[in-house]
Amino acid sequence: MLDGPGHALSVALRLAAQHRARYLVVSQGRPIAHDPCPSAPPGVTLICFNPRPASTQGEAELVGRLAQRYHWQSITIVAITPQASRARLRVERCFSGRVYVVTAPIRFGTWPYQIAYEWGALAKALLIQRSC
């Protein structure tokens, strides 16, 4: 699960509770009001982390290292809808297996800001930060 606004944590927890994977990896990239490192459902290994740098790039780099360490063949990313394309791009640069994206909703009023932010962040990922 990537850090960000919206309801990614509830989506990630639902997927974990459905045993879609043996690991639940939660980015704590940004301080928020509640504890983003929840209890793992039974049979699921929980990994909470603070990416360095505290960005989607840092999250993708750590996910790539975890995938190598644990021999993952596929990854499901939980991200907010506006971030989905950039998240996939970044993770695919750091992980050679199959990458799936599940989107989490955000409040309607945050869409204009998130779209503007993602356009800039996607341009940066495509033109400037082109490696893992």
Foldseek 3Di string as FASTA:
>chain_A
DADDAFDLLVVLQVCQLVVVDQEREAEPQDDDDDDSQDDGDPSHHYHYDHFVVSDLLSVLQVVLVVCVVVVDQEEEAEEAPLCFVVSVQNNVLSHVHHYHYDHGYHDPVCVVVSNVVSVVVSCCCVPPVPHD
